[in-house]
N, C-alpha and C. Protein backbone atom coordinates (compact mmCIF):
# COMPACT_ATOMS: atom_id res chain seq x y z
N MET A 1 -17.34 -19.58 -19.62
CA MET A 1 -18.13 -18.53 -19.04
C MET A 1 -17.60 -18.27 -17.62
N PRO A 2 -17.22 -17.01 -17.32
CA PRO A 2 -16.72 -16.68 -15.97
C PRO A 2 -17.81 -16.81 -14.93
N THR A 3 -17.42 -17.18 -13.74
CA THR A 3 -18.35 -17.29 -12.63
C THR A 3 -17.64 -16.89 -11.35
N VAL A 4 -18.39 -16.63 -10.32
CA VAL A 4 -17.84 -16.24 -9.03
C VAL A 4 -18.14 -17.34 -8.03
N VAL A 5 -17.14 -17.68 -7.23
CA VAL A 5 -17.31 -18.68 -6.18
C VAL A 5 -17.02 -17.99 -4.86
N CYS A 6 -17.92 -18.14 -3.92
CA CYS A 6 -17.77 -17.52 -2.61
C CYS A 6 -17.54 -18.62 -1.58
N ASP A 7 -16.61 -18.39 -0.67
CA ASP A 7 -16.32 -19.37 0.36
C ASP A 7 -15.97 -18.64 1.64
N TRP A 8 -16.36 -19.20 2.78
CA TRP A 8 -16.04 -18.61 4.07
C TRP A 8 -14.55 -18.79 4.35
N ILE A 9 -13.97 -17.79 5.03
CA ILE A 9 -12.59 -17.94 5.46
C ILE A 9 -12.57 -17.92 6.99
N SER A 10 -11.57 -18.53 7.53
CA SER A 10 -11.47 -18.64 8.98
C SER A 10 -11.00 -17.31 9.59
N ASP A 11 -11.16 -17.19 10.89
CA ASP A 11 -10.67 -16.00 11.59
C ASP A 11 -9.16 -15.89 11.48
N THR A 12 -8.48 -17.01 11.47
CA THR A 12 -7.03 -17.01 11.31
C THR A 12 -6.65 -16.44 9.95
N ALA A 13 -7.36 -16.84 8.92
CA ALA A 13 -7.09 -16.32 7.58
C ALA A 13 -7.35 -14.83 7.51
N LYS A 14 -8.42 -14.37 8.15
CA LYS A 14 -8.71 -12.93 8.20
C LYS A 14 -7.58 -12.17 8.87
N ASP A 15 -7.07 -12.73 9.97
CA ASP A 15 -5.96 -12.10 10.69
C ASP A 15 -4.71 -12.03 9.82
N GLU A 16 -4.43 -13.11 9.10
CA GLU A 16 -3.26 -13.13 8.22
C GLU A 16 -3.38 -12.10 7.10
N ILE A 17 -4.59 -11.95 6.55
CA ILE A 17 -4.82 -10.96 5.50
C ILE A 17 -4.60 -9.55 6.05
N ALA A 18 -5.10 -9.30 7.26
CA ALA A 18 -4.93 -7.99 7.89
C ALA A 18 -3.46 -7.70 8.17
N LYS A 19 -2.72 -8.71 8.65
CA LYS A 19 -1.29 -8.55 8.92
C LYS A 19 -0.53 -8.24 7.64
N GLN A 20 -0.87 -8.93 6.54
CA GLN A 20 -0.20 -8.71 5.26
C GLN A 20 -0.48 -7.30 4.74
N LYS A 21 -1.72 -6.84 4.90
CA LYS A 21 -2.09 -5.49 4.46
C LYS A 21 -1.28 -4.45 5.23
N THR A 22 -1.17 -4.63 6.54
CA THR A 22 -0.40 -3.70 7.37
C THR A 22 1.08 -3.73 6.98
N ALA A 23 1.61 -4.91 6.75
CA ALA A 23 3.02 -5.02 6.34
C ALA A 23 3.25 -4.35 4.99
N ASP A 24 2.32 -4.53 4.05
CA ASP A 24 2.43 -3.88 2.74
C ASP A 24 2.39 -2.36 2.89
N GLU A 25 1.50 -1.87 3.74
CA GLU A 25 1.40 -0.42 3.94
C GLU A 25 2.67 0.13 4.59
N ASP A 26 3.25 -0.61 5.53
CA ASP A 26 4.49 -0.18 6.16
C ASP A 26 5.63 -0.12 5.15
N ARG A 27 5.70 -1.13 4.27
CA ARG A 27 6.73 -1.12 3.22
C ARG A 27 6.52 0.05 2.27
N MET A 28 5.25 0.33 1.94
CA MET A 28 4.94 1.43 1.04
C MET A 28 5.35 2.76 1.67
N LEU A 29 5.12 2.92 2.97
CA LEU A 29 5.55 4.14 3.66
C LEU A 29 7.06 4.32 3.54
N ALA A 30 7.80 3.25 3.73
CA ALA A 30 9.26 3.33 3.62
C ALA A 30 9.70 3.70 2.20
N LEU A 31 9.02 3.14 1.21
CA LEU A 31 9.35 3.47 -0.18
C LEU A 31 9.05 4.93 -0.50
N ILE A 32 7.94 5.43 0.02
CA ILE A 32 7.57 6.83 -0.22
C ILE A 32 8.57 7.75 0.47
N GLU A 33 8.99 7.38 1.67
CA GLU A 33 9.98 8.20 2.37
C GLU A 33 11.29 8.24 1.57
N ALA A 34 11.68 7.12 1.01
CA ALA A 34 12.92 7.05 0.25
C ALA A 34 12.83 7.78 -1.09
N ASP A 35 11.65 7.74 -1.73
CA ASP A 35 11.48 8.37 -3.05
C ASP A 35 10.07 8.94 -3.17
N PRO A 36 9.85 10.16 -2.66
CA PRO A 36 8.51 10.75 -2.69
C PRO A 36 7.97 11.01 -4.09
N LYS A 37 8.81 11.06 -5.07
CA LYS A 37 8.39 11.35 -6.45
C LYS A 37 8.10 10.09 -7.26
N ALA A 38 8.18 8.92 -6.63
CA ALA A 38 7.96 7.66 -7.34
C ALA A 38 6.52 7.57 -7.84
N SER A 39 6.35 7.07 -9.04
CA SER A 39 5.02 6.89 -9.62
C SER A 39 4.38 5.62 -9.05
N GLN A 40 3.09 5.45 -9.34
CA GLN A 40 2.40 4.24 -8.91
C GLN A 40 3.05 3.00 -9.53
N ALA A 41 3.44 3.11 -10.79
CA ALA A 41 4.09 1.98 -11.46
C ALA A 41 5.42 1.65 -10.79
N ALA A 42 6.19 2.68 -10.44
CA ALA A 42 7.48 2.45 -9.79
C ALA A 42 7.29 1.84 -8.40
N LEU A 43 6.30 2.35 -7.67
CA LEU A 43 6.04 1.79 -6.34
C LEU A 43 5.59 0.34 -6.43
N ALA A 44 4.72 0.03 -7.40
CA ALA A 44 4.26 -1.35 -7.57
C ALA A 44 5.43 -2.27 -7.92
N ALA A 45 6.31 -1.79 -8.78
CA ALA A 45 7.47 -2.60 -9.17
C ALA A 45 8.38 -2.85 -7.97
N LYS A 46 8.61 -1.80 -7.17
CA LYS A 46 9.47 -1.96 -5.99
C LYS A 46 8.84 -2.88 -4.94
N MET A 47 7.50 -2.89 -4.89
CA MET A 47 6.81 -3.78 -3.95
C MET A 47 6.77 -5.21 -4.47
N GLY A 48 7.08 -5.41 -5.75
CA GLY A 48 7.04 -6.74 -6.33
C GLY A 48 5.65 -7.14 -6.78
N TRP A 49 4.77 -6.16 -6.96
CA TRP A 49 3.41 -6.42 -7.40
C TRP A 49 3.36 -6.35 -8.92
N ALA A 50 3.08 -7.47 -9.56
CA ALA A 50 3.04 -7.53 -11.01
C ALA A 50 1.82 -8.29 -11.49
N LEU A 51 1.36 -7.91 -12.66
CA LEU A 51 0.26 -8.62 -13.31
C LEU A 51 0.81 -9.88 -13.98
N PHE A 52 -0.08 -10.71 -14.51
CA PHE A 52 0.37 -11.95 -15.16
C PHE A 52 1.29 -11.68 -16.34
N ASN A 53 1.10 -10.55 -17.03
CA ASN A 53 1.95 -10.24 -18.18
C ASN A 53 3.27 -9.56 -17.79
N GLY A 54 3.48 -9.36 -16.49
CA GLY A 54 4.73 -8.78 -16.01
C GLY A 54 4.68 -7.28 -15.76
N ASP A 55 3.62 -6.61 -16.21
CA ASP A 55 3.49 -5.18 -15.96
C ASP A 55 3.27 -4.92 -14.47
N PRO A 56 3.70 -3.75 -13.97
CA PRO A 56 3.46 -3.43 -12.57
C PRO A 56 1.96 -3.35 -12.28
N HIS A 57 1.56 -3.82 -11.13
CA HIS A 57 0.15 -3.82 -10.73
C HIS A 57 -0.18 -2.46 -10.11
N LYS A 58 -0.40 -1.46 -10.97
CA LYS A 58 -0.63 -0.09 -10.54
C LYS A 58 -1.93 0.05 -9.74
N THR A 59 -2.92 -0.76 -10.05
CA THR A 59 -4.19 -0.68 -9.33
C THR A 59 -4.00 -1.07 -7.86
N LYS A 60 -3.21 -2.09 -7.60
CA LYS A 60 -2.95 -2.51 -6.23
C LYS A 60 -2.18 -1.42 -5.49
N ALA A 61 -1.24 -0.78 -6.18
CA ALA A 61 -0.50 0.32 -5.57
C ALA A 61 -1.43 1.49 -5.27
N ALA A 62 -2.35 1.77 -6.19
CA ALA A 62 -3.31 2.87 -5.99
C ALA A 62 -4.20 2.60 -4.79
N ARG A 63 -4.64 1.34 -4.62
CA ARG A 63 -5.47 0.99 -3.47
C ARG A 63 -4.70 1.16 -2.16
N CYS A 64 -3.44 0.79 -2.17
CA CYS A 64 -2.61 0.94 -0.97
C CYS A 64 -2.41 2.43 -0.66
N LEU A 65 -2.14 3.22 -1.68
CA LEU A 65 -1.96 4.66 -1.49
C LEU A 65 -3.25 5.30 -0.97
N LYS A 66 -4.38 4.87 -1.49
CA LYS A 66 -5.66 5.40 -1.04
C LYS A 66 -5.89 5.06 0.43
N SER A 67 -5.55 3.84 0.82
CA SER A 67 -5.69 3.42 2.20
C SER A 67 -4.80 4.25 3.12
N LEU A 68 -3.57 4.50 2.70
CA LEU A 68 -2.64 5.31 3.49
C LEU A 68 -3.12 6.75 3.59
N THR A 69 -3.70 7.27 2.51
CA THR A 69 -4.24 8.62 2.52
C THR A 69 -5.44 8.71 3.45
N SER A 70 -6.32 7.72 3.39
CA SER A 70 -7.51 7.70 4.26
C SER A 70 -7.12 7.62 5.73
N ALA A 71 -6.04 6.93 6.02
CA ALA A 71 -5.55 6.81 7.39
C ALA A 71 -4.73 8.02 7.81
N LYS A 72 -4.60 9.00 6.90
CA LYS A 72 -3.84 10.23 7.14
C LYS A 72 -2.37 9.96 7.45
N LEU A 73 -1.82 8.92 6.81
CA LEU A 73 -0.41 8.61 6.97
C LEU A 73 0.43 9.24 5.86
N ILE A 74 -0.21 9.54 4.72
CA ILE A 74 0.45 10.26 3.63
C ILE A 74 -0.52 11.31 3.10
N LYS A 75 0.02 12.26 2.37
CA LYS A 75 -0.81 13.20 1.64
C LYS A 75 -0.18 13.42 0.27
N THR A 76 -1.01 13.85 -0.67
CA THR A 76 -0.55 14.09 -2.02
C THR A 76 -0.28 15.58 -2.17
N THR A 77 0.88 15.92 -2.69
CA THR A 77 1.23 17.32 -2.89
C THR A 77 0.57 17.86 -4.15
N ARG A 78 0.65 19.15 -4.34
CA ARG A 78 0.08 19.78 -5.53
C ARG A 78 0.71 19.23 -6.81
N ALA A 79 1.96 18.82 -6.72
CA ALA A 79 2.67 18.29 -7.89
C ALA A 79 2.31 16.83 -8.16
N GLY A 80 1.48 16.23 -7.30
CA GLY A 80 1.08 14.84 -7.50
C GLY A 80 2.01 13.83 -6.85
N HIS A 81 2.94 14.29 -6.05
CA HIS A 81 3.84 13.39 -5.34
C HIS A 81 3.26 13.07 -3.98
N HIS A 82 3.86 12.12 -3.32
CA HIS A 82 3.36 11.69 -2.01
C HIS A 82 4.32 12.13 -0.92
N LYS A 83 3.75 12.47 0.23
CA LYS A 83 4.55 12.95 1.34
C LYS A 83 4.01 12.33 2.62
N LEU A 84 4.91 11.86 3.48
CA LEU A 84 4.49 11.30 4.76
C LEU A 84 4.02 12.42 5.68
N THR A 85 2.95 12.16 6.42
CA THR A 85 2.47 13.09 7.43
C THR A 85 3.23 12.78 8.72
N PRO A 86 3.10 13.64 9.74
CA PRO A 86 3.73 13.30 11.02
C PRO A 86 3.27 11.94 11.57
N GLU A 87 1.98 11.61 11.34
CA GLU A 87 1.48 10.31 11.79
C GLU A 87 2.16 9.17 11.01
N GLY A 88 2.37 9.39 9.71
CA GLY A 88 3.05 8.39 8.89
C GLY A 88 4.49 8.17 9.33
N ILE A 89 5.15 9.26 9.67
CA ILE A 89 6.53 9.16 10.16
C ILE A 89 6.57 8.39 11.47
N ALA A 90 5.59 8.65 12.35
CA ALA A 90 5.53 7.94 13.63
C ALA A 90 5.31 6.45 13.42
N VAL A 91 4.44 6.09 12.46
CA VAL A 91 4.23 4.67 12.16
C VAL A 91 5.51 4.04 11.65
N LEU A 92 6.19 4.74 10.76
CA LEU A 92 7.42 4.21 10.18
C LEU A 92 8.51 4.04 11.23
N GLU A 93 8.55 4.95 12.17
CA GLU A 93 9.56 4.87 13.23
C GLU A 93 9.14 3.95 14.38
N GLY A 94 7.88 3.50 14.34
CA GLY A 94 7.40 2.60 15.39
C GLY A 94 7.01 3.32 16.67
N THR A 95 6.77 4.63 16.57
CA THR A 95 6.43 5.40 17.77
C THR A 95 4.99 5.89 17.73
N GLU A 96 4.14 5.23 16.92
CA GLU A 96 2.74 5.66 16.83
C GLU A 96 2.03 5.44 18.15
N LYS A 97 1.00 6.25 18.37
CA LYS A 97 0.24 6.16 19.63
C LYS A 97 -0.87 5.16 19.51
């Protein structure tokens, strides 16, 4: 029978999780810049995100894309592809304000 276990994490662990999320988003921005037409499955595969059965973890890629969209770093075109915004380009180049 499945169950849920909850445990407190330290501030250091929270910081590490936040750093990893930012690093993943930065890598995703670079992948989108290199291939704006890449699908969620292709992006997940390039990020190395896989499920236990080896399939690309498309849900994790979708969450990352949603986060980047919410932060206005990317936008989705009418064709369903992704495009970096000027803010996204600034983040990628390291010149964000």
